[in-house]
PDB file of N, CA and C in Angstrom:
ATOM      1  N   UNK A   1      42.248 147.922-112.575  1.00  0.00           N
ATOM      2  CA  UNK A   1      40.846 147.322-112.147  1.00  0.00           C
ATOM      3  C   UNK A   1      40.820 146.347-113.543  1.00  0.00           C
ATOM      4  N   UNK A   2      40.616 147.739-114.528  1.00  0.00           N
ATOM      5  CA  UNK A   2      40.158 146.612-115.833  1.00  0.00           C
ATOM      6  C   UNK A   2      41.227 145.565-116.327  1.00  0.00           C
ATOM      7  N   UNK A   3      42.698 145.950-116.444  1.00  0.00           N
ATOM      8  CA  UNK A   3      43.599 144.855-116.621  1.00  0.00           C
ATOM      9  C   UNK A   3      43.488 143.421-115.443  1.00  0.00           C
ATOM     10  N   UNK A   4      42.911 143.302-114.505  1.00  0.00           N
ATOM     11  CA  UNK A   4      42.742 142.187-113.636  1.00  0.00           C
ATOM     12  C   UNK A   4      41.598 141.958-113.957  1.00  0.00           C
ATOM     13  N   UNK A   5      40.486 142.455-114.809  1.00  0.00           N
ATOM     14  CA  UNK A   5      39.249 141.643-115.418  1.00  0.00           C
ATOM     15  C   UNK A   5      39.625 140.977-116.772  1.00  0.00           C
ATOM     16  N   UNK A   6      40.479 141.586-117.350  1.00  0.00           N
ATOM     17  CA  UNK A   6      41.077 141.068-118.949  1.00  0.00           C
ATOM     18  C   UNK A   6      41.560 139.855-118.690  1.00  0.00           C
ATOM     19  N   UNK A   7      42.645 140.029-117.665  1.00  0.00           N
ATOM     20  CA  UNK A   7      43.251 138.336-117.330  1.00  0.00           C
ATOM     21  C   UNK A   7      42.518 137.648-116.636  1.00  0.00           C
ATOM     22  N   UNK A   8      41.188 137.944-115.828  1.00  0.00           N
ATOM     23  CA  UNK A   8      40.348 136.802-115.441  1.00  0.00           C
ATOM     24  C   UNK A   8      39.727 136.364-116.726  1.00  0.00           C
ATOM     25  N   UNK A   9      39.197 137.174-117.800  1.00  0.00           N
ATOM     26  CA  UNK A   9      38.788 136.936-118.914  1.00  0.00           C
ATOM     27  C   UNK A   9      39.542 135.638-119.700  1.00  0.00           C
ATOM     28  N   UNK A  10      40.770 136.140-119.503  1.00  0.00           N
ATOM     29  CA  UNK A  10      42.079 135.495-120.515  1.00  0.00           C
ATOM     30  C   UNK A  10      42.082 134.173-120.221  1.00  0.00           C
ATOM     31  N   UNK A  11      42.057 134.090-118.746  1.00  0.00           N
ATOM     32  CA  UNK A  11      42.254 132.962-117.933  1.00  0.00           C
ATOM     33  C   UNK A  11      41.021 131.726-118.124  1.00  0.00           C
ATOM     34  N   UNK A  12      39.869 132.505-118.257  1.00  0.00           N
ATOM     35  CA  UNK A  12      38.568 131.811-118.456  1.00  0.00           C
ATOM     36  C   UNK A  12      38.788 131.183-119.762  1.00  0.00           C
ATOM     37  N   UNK A  13      39.038 132.108-120.843  1.00  0.00           N
ATOM     38  CA  UNK A  13      38.840 131.169-121.969  1.00  0.00           C
ATOM     39  C   UNK A  13      39.896 130.522-122.237  1.00  0.00           C
ATOM     40  N   UNK A  14      41.349 130.824-121.707  1.00  0.00           N
ATOM     41  CA  UNK A  14      42.116 129.486-121.765  1.00  0.00           C
ATOM     42  C   UNK A  14      41.649 128.105-121.291  1.00  0.00           C
ATOM     43  N   UNK A  15      40.886 128.181-120.163  1.00  0.00           N
ATOM     44  CA  UNK A  15      40.667 126.740-119.455  1.00  0.00           C
ATOM     45  C   UNK A  15      39.224 126.407-120.160  1.00  0.00           C
ATOM     46  N   UNK A  16      38.485 127.260-120.911  1.00  0.00           N
ATOM     47  CA  UNK A  16      37.301 126.832-121.932  1.00  0.00           C
ATOM     48  C   UNK A  16      37.689 126.442-122.944  1.00  0.00           C
ATOM     49  N   UNK A  17      38.952 126.608-123.464  1.00  0.00           N
ATOM     50  CA  UNK A  17      39.641 126.391-124.654  1.00  0.00           C
ATOM     51  C   UNK A  17      40.001 124.484-124.271  1.00  0.00           C
ATOM     52  N   UNK A  18      40.573 124.653-122.822  1.00  0.00           N
ATOM     53  CA  UNK A  18      41.122 123.314-122.648  1.00  0.00           C
ATOM     54  C   UNK A  18      39.761 122.383-122.666  1.00  0.00           C
ATOM     55  N   UNK A  19      39.004 122.645-121.960  1.00  0.00           N
ATOM     56  CA  UNK A  19      37.682 121.899-121.713  1.00  0.00           C
ATOM     57  C   UNK A  19      37.281 121.446-123.462  1.00  0.00           C
ATOM     58  N   UNK A  20      36.805 122.400-124.313  1.00  0.00           N
ATOM     59  CA  UNK A  20      36.550 122.026-125.426  1.00  0.00           C
ATOM     60  C   UNK A  20      37.818 120.998-126.301  1.00  0.00           C
ATOM     61  N   UNK A  21      39.193 121.218-126.381  1.00  0.00           N
ATOM     62  CA  UNK A  21      40.036 120.403-126.574  1.00  0.00           C
ATOM     63  C   UNK A  21      39.606 119.296-126.089  1.00  0.00           C
ATOM     64  N   UNK A  22      39.796 118.705-125.045  1.00  0.00           N
ATOM     65  CA  UNK A  22      39.455 117.716-124.355  1.00  0.00           C
ATOM     66  C   UNK A  22      38.244 116.821-124.412  1.00  0.00           C
ATOM     67  N   UNK A  23      37.027 117.733-124.524  1.00  0.00           N
ATOM     68  CA  UNK A  23      36.129 116.905-124.953  1.00  0.00           C
ATOM     69  C   UNK A  23      36.001 116.547-126.817  1.00  0.00           C
ATOM     70  N   UNK A  24      36.859 117.488-127.556  1.00  0.00           N
ATOM     71  CA  UNK A  24      37.192 117.266-128.620  1.00  0.00           C
ATOM     72  C   UNK A  24      37.597 115.759-128.637  1.00  0.00           C
ATOM     73  N   UNK A  25      38.702 115.816-128.262  1.00  0.00           N
ATOM     74  CA  UNK A  25      39.392 114.486-128.464  1.00  0.00           C
ATOM     75  C   UNK A  25      38.718 113.462-127.991  1.00  0.00           C
ATOM     76  N   UNK A  26      37.719 113.421-126.714  1.00  0.00           N
ATOM     77  CA  UNK A  26      37.023 112.285-126.387  1.00  0.00           C
ATOM     78  C   UNK A  26      36.103 111.966-127.258  1.00  0.00           C
ATOM     79  N   UNK A  27      35.117 112.971-128.344  1.00  0.00           N
ATOM     80  CA  UNK A  27      34.554 112.755-129.680  1.00  0.00           C
ATOM     81  C   UNK A  27      35.419 111.996-130.493  1.00  0.00           C
ATOM     82  N   UNK A  28      36.689 112.376-130.751  1.00  0.00           N
ATOM     83  CA  UNK A  28      37.344 111.619-131.694  1.00  0.00           C
ATOM     84  C   UNK A  28      37.453 110.439-131.625  1.00  0.00           C
ATOM     85  N   UNK A  29      37.569 109.824-130.599  1.00  0.00           N
ATOM     86  CA  UNK A  29      38.255 108.913-130.104  1.00  0.00           C
ATOM     87  C   UNK A  29      36.993 108.066-129.722  1.00  0.00           C
ATOM     88  N   UNK A  30      35.549 108.476-129.460  1.00  0.00           N
ATOM     89  CA  UNK A  30      34.203 107.530-130.009  1.00  0.00           C
ATOM     90  C   UNK A  30      33.984 107.194-131.516  1.00  0.00           C
ATOM     91  N   UNK A  31      34.417 108.569-131.947  1.00  0.00           N
ATOM     92  CA  UNK A  31      34.228 108.507-133.140  1.00  0.00           C
ATOM     93  C   UNK A  31      35.251 106.931-134.302  1.00  0.00           C
ATOM     94  N   UNK A  32      36.472 107.020-133.721  1.00  0.00           N
ATOM     95  CA  UNK A  32      37.251 106.029-134.056  1.00  0.00           C
ATOM     96  C   UNK A  32      36.769 104.552-133.662  1.00  0.00           C
ATOM     97  N   UNK A  33      36.463 104.438-132.397  1.00  0.00           N
ATOM     98  CA  UNK A  33      35.808 103.178-132.111  1.00  0.00           C
ATOM     99  C   UNK A  33      34.656 103.073-132.601  1.00  0.00           C
ATOM    100  N   UNK A  34      33.630 103.516-133.261  1.00  0.00           N
ATOM    101  CA  UNK A  34      32.814 103.295-133.972  1.00  0.00           C
ATOM    102  C   UNK A  34      32.924 103.081-135.114  1.00  0.00           C
ATOM    103  N   UNK A  35      33.716 103.680-135.605  1.00  0.00           N
ATOM    104  CA  UNK A  35      34.556 103.165-137.155  1.00  0.00           C
ATOM    105  C   UNK A  35      34.743 101.731-136.973  1.00  0.00           C
ATOM    106  N   UNK A  36      35.588 101.735-135.952  1.00  0.00           N
ATOM    107  CA  UNK A  36      36.279 100.218-135.875  1.00  0.00           C
ATOM    108  C   UNK A  36      35.209  99.164-135.815  1.00  0.00           C
ATOM    109  N   UNK A  37      34.301  99.795-135.129  1.00  0.00           N
ATOM    110  CA  UNK A  37      33.295  98.838-134.846  1.00  0.00           C
ATOM    111  C   UNK A  37      32.298  98.258-136.551  1.00  0.00           C
ATOM    112  N   UNK A  38      32.203  99.386-136.998  1.00  0.00           N
ATOM    113  CA  UNK A  38      31.462  99.684-138.250  1.00  0.00           C
ATOM    114  C   UNK A  38      32.171  98.284-139.471  1.00  0.00           C
ATOM    115  N   UNK A  39      33.453  98.443-139.160  1.00  0.00           N
ATOM    116  CA  UNK A  39      34.135  97.815-140.020  1.00  0.00           C
ATOM    117  C   UNK A  39      34.228  96.383-139.716  1.00  0.00           C
ATOM    118  N   UNK A  40      34.038  96.196-138.321  1.00  0.00           N
ATOM    119  CA  UNK A  40      33.813  94.483-137.920  1.00  0.00           C
ATOM    120  C   UNK A  40      32.725  94.026-138.377  1.00  0.00           C
ATOM    121  N   UNK A  41      31.571  94.995-137.949  1.00  0.00           N
ATOM    122  CA  UNK A  41      30.450  94.486-138.829  1.00  0.00           C
ATOM    123  C   UNK A  41      30.132  94.084-140.225  1.00  0.00           C
ATOM    124  N   UNK A  42      31.113  94.846-140.832  1.00  0.00           N
ATOM    125  CA  UNK A  42      30.992  95.046-142.640  1.00  0.00           C
ATOM    126  C   UNK A  42      31.831  93.609-142.748  1.00  0.00           C
ATOM    127  N   UNK A  43      32.902  93.775-142.060  1.00  0.00           N
ATOM    128  CA  UNK A  43      33.596  91.909-142.400  1.00  0.00           C
ATOM    129  C   UNK A  43      32.354  90.969-142.225  1.00  0.00           C
ATOM    130  N   UNK A  44      31.899  91.044-140.706  1.00  0.00           N
ATOM    131  CA  UNK A  44      31.142  89.873-140.705  1.00  0.00           C
ATOM    132  C   UNK A  44      30.018  89.593-141.833  1.00  0.00           C
ATOM    133  N   UNK A  45      29.056  90.805-141.921  1.00  0.00           N
ATOM    134  CA  UNK A  45      28.310  90.809-143.182  1.00  0.00           C
ATOM    135  C   UNK A  45      29.061  90.348-144.302  1.00  0.00           C
ATOM    136  N   UNK A  46      30.416  90.429-144.898  1.00  0.00           N
ATOM    137  CA  UNK A  46      30.629  89.991-146.089  1.00  0.00           C
ATOM    138  C   UNK A  46      30.992  88.352-145.933  1.00  0.00           C
ATOM    139  N   UNK A  47      31.764  88.086-144.653  1.00  0.00           N
ATOM    140  CA  UNK A  47      31.675  86.416-144.382  1.00  0.00           C
ATOM    141  C   UNK A  47      30.183  85.657-144.236  1.00  0.00           C
ATOM    142  N   UNK A  48      29.125  86.462-143.930  1.00  0.00           N
ATOM    143  CA  UNK A  48      28.248  85.781-143.938  1.00  0.00           C
ATOM    144  C   UNK A  48      27.562  85.643-145.545  1.00  0.00           C
ATOM    145  N   UNK A  49      27.627  86.981-146.134  1.00  0.00           N
ATOM    146  CA  UNK A  49      27.092  86.556-147.328  1.00  0.00           C
ATOM    147  C   UNK A  49      27.822  85.444-148.578  1.00  0.00           C
ATOM    148  N   UNK A  50      29.149  86.005-147.948  1.00  0.00           N
ATOM    149  CA  UNK A  50      30.430  84.560-148.803  1.00  0.00           C
ATOM    150  C   UNK A  50      30.001  83.050-148.779  1.00  0.00           C
ATOM    151  N   UNK A  51      29.668  83.025-147.279  1.00  0.00           N
ATOM    152  CA  UNK A  51      28.989  81.560-146.960  1.00  0.00           C
ATOM    153  C   UNK A  51      27.675  81.033-147.502  1.00  0.00           C
ATOM    154  N   UNK A  52      27.168  81.981-147.774  1.00  0.00           N
ATOM    155  CA  UNK A  52      25.615  81.644-148.104  1.00  0.00           C
ATOM    156  C   UNK A  52      25.671  81.302-149.657  1.00  0.00           C
ATOM    157  N   UNK A  53      26.374  82.163-150.352  1.00  0.00           N
ATOM    158  CA  UNK A  53      27.142  81.838-151.697  1.00  0.00           C
ATOM    159  C   UNK A  53      27.664  80.597-152.317  1.00  0.00           C
ATOM    160  N   UNK A  54      28.316  80.466-151.172  1.00  0.00           N
ATOM    161  CA  UNK A  54      29.026  79.057-151.015  1.00  0.00           C
ATOM    162  C   UNK A  54      28.255  78.063-151.412  1.00  0.00           C
ATOM    163  N   UNK A  55      27.084  77.986-150.060  1.00  0.00           N
ATOM    164  CA  UNK A  55      26.436  77.069-149.371  1.00  0.00           C
ATOM    165  C   UNK A  55      25.523  76.683-150.845  1.00  0.00           C
ATOM    166  N   UNK A  56      25.362  77.765-151.651  1.00  0.00           N
ATOM    167  CA  UNK A  56      23.955  78.007-152.816  1.00  0.00           C
ATOM    168  C   UNK A  56      24.845  77.487-153.862  1.00  0.00           C
ATOM    169  N   UNK A  57      25.964  77.952-154.180  1.00  0.00           N
ATOM    170  CA  UNK A  57      26.474  77.006-155.369  1.00  0.00           C
ATOM    171  C   UNK A  57      26.725  75.179-154.921  1.00  0.00           C
ATOM    172  N   UNK A  58      27.119  75.195-153.635  1.00  0.00           N
ATOM    173  CA  UNK A  58      27.283  73.683-153.224  1.00  0.00           C
ATOM    174  C   UNK A  58      25.902  72.950-153.547  1.00  0.00           C
ATOM    175  N   UNK A  59      24.722  73.710-153.261  1.00  0.00           N
ATOM    176  CA  UNK A  59      23.246  72.813-153.263  1.00  0.00           C
ATOM    177  C   UNK A  59      22.956  72.825-154.988  1.00  0.00           C
ATOM    178  N   UNK A  60      23.587  73.920-155.923  1.00  0.00           N
ATOM    179  CA  UNK A  60      23.569  73.989-157.416  1.00  0.00           C
ATOM    180  C   UNK A  60      24.550  72.469-157.833  1.00  0.00           C
ATOM    181  N   UNK A  61      25.296  72.434-157.369  1.00  0.00           N
ATOM    182  CA  UNK A  61      26.287  71.982-158.150  1.00  0.00           C
ATOM    183  C   UNK A  61      25.726  70.099-157.489  1.00  0.00           C
ATOM    184  N   UNK A  62      25.375  69.900-156.279  1.00  0.00           N
ATOM    185  CA  UNK A  62      25.120  68.658-155.846  1.00  0.00           C
ATOM    186  C   UNK A  62      23.760  67.973-156.668  1.00  0.00           C
ATOM    187  N   UNK A  63      22.692  69.389-157.165  1.00  0.00           N
ATOM    188  CA  UNK A  63      21.647  69.150-158.101  1.00  0.00           C
ATOM    189  C   UNK A  63      21.717  68.719-159.081  1.00  0.00           C
ATOM    190  N   UNK A  64      22.687  69.374-159.639  1.00  0.00           N
ATOM    191  CA  UNK A  64      23.100  68.773-161.446  1.00  0.00           C
ATOM    192  C   UNK A  64      24.059  67.579-161.289  1.00  0.00           C
ATOM    193  N   UNK A  65      24.412  67.168-159.940  1.00  0.00           N
ATOM    194  CA  UNK A  65      25.156  65.928-160.375  1.00  0.00           C
ATOM    195  C   UNK A  65      24.498  64.888-159.998  1.00  0.00           C
ATOM    196  N   UNK A  66      23.425  65.139-159.380  1.00  0.00           N
ATOM    197  CA  UNK A  66      22.170  63.903-159.102  1.00  0.00           C
ATOM    198  C   UNK A  66      21.367  64.262-160.471  1.00  0.00           C
ATOM    199  N   UNK A  67      21.163  65.143-161.056  1.00  0.00           N
ATOM    200  CA  UNK A  67      20.444  65.091-162.354  1.00  0.00           C
ATOM    201  C   UNK A  67      21.233  64.230-163.393  1.00  0.00           C
ATOM    202  N   UNK A  68      22.691  64.709-163.744  1.00  0.00           N
ATOM    203  CA  UNK A  68      23.275  64.095-164.376  1.00  0.00           C
ATOM    204  C   UNK A  68      23.445  62.388-164.296  1.00  0.00           C
ATOM    205  N   UNK A  69      23.711  61.699-162.941  1.00  0.00           N
ATOM    206  CA  UNK A  69      23.799  60.419-162.419  1.00  0.00           C
ATOM    207  C   UNK A  69      22.145  60.163-163.038  1.00  0.00           C
ATOM    208  N   UNK A  70      21.400  60.552-162.592  1.00  0.00           N
ATOM    209  CA  UNK A  70      19.869  60.098-163.486  1.00  0.00           C
ATOM    210  C   UNK A  70      19.806  59.891-164.537  1.00  0.00           C
ATOM    211  N   UNK A  71      20.287  60.611-165.597  1.00  0.00           N
ATOM    212  CA  UNK A  71      20.234  60.469-166.705  1.00  0.00           C
ATOM    213  C   UNK A  71      21.240  59.576-167.683  1.00  0.00           C
TER     214      UNK A  71
END
């Protein structure tokens, strides 16, 4: 009888480990997806910042050219 209870406990523990392993895999997959999304957002932010820098540089350059032409 005791041997049968031990077998049931081991069987239950094995199923629980499998369940936790599956849950952990799902969590890691979701974390990888989030990480990839964060990378994409960072890329967009960098590109947007670079566009703003270029626009500002162009505005400054044009303003200086106009000033030089007036002089």
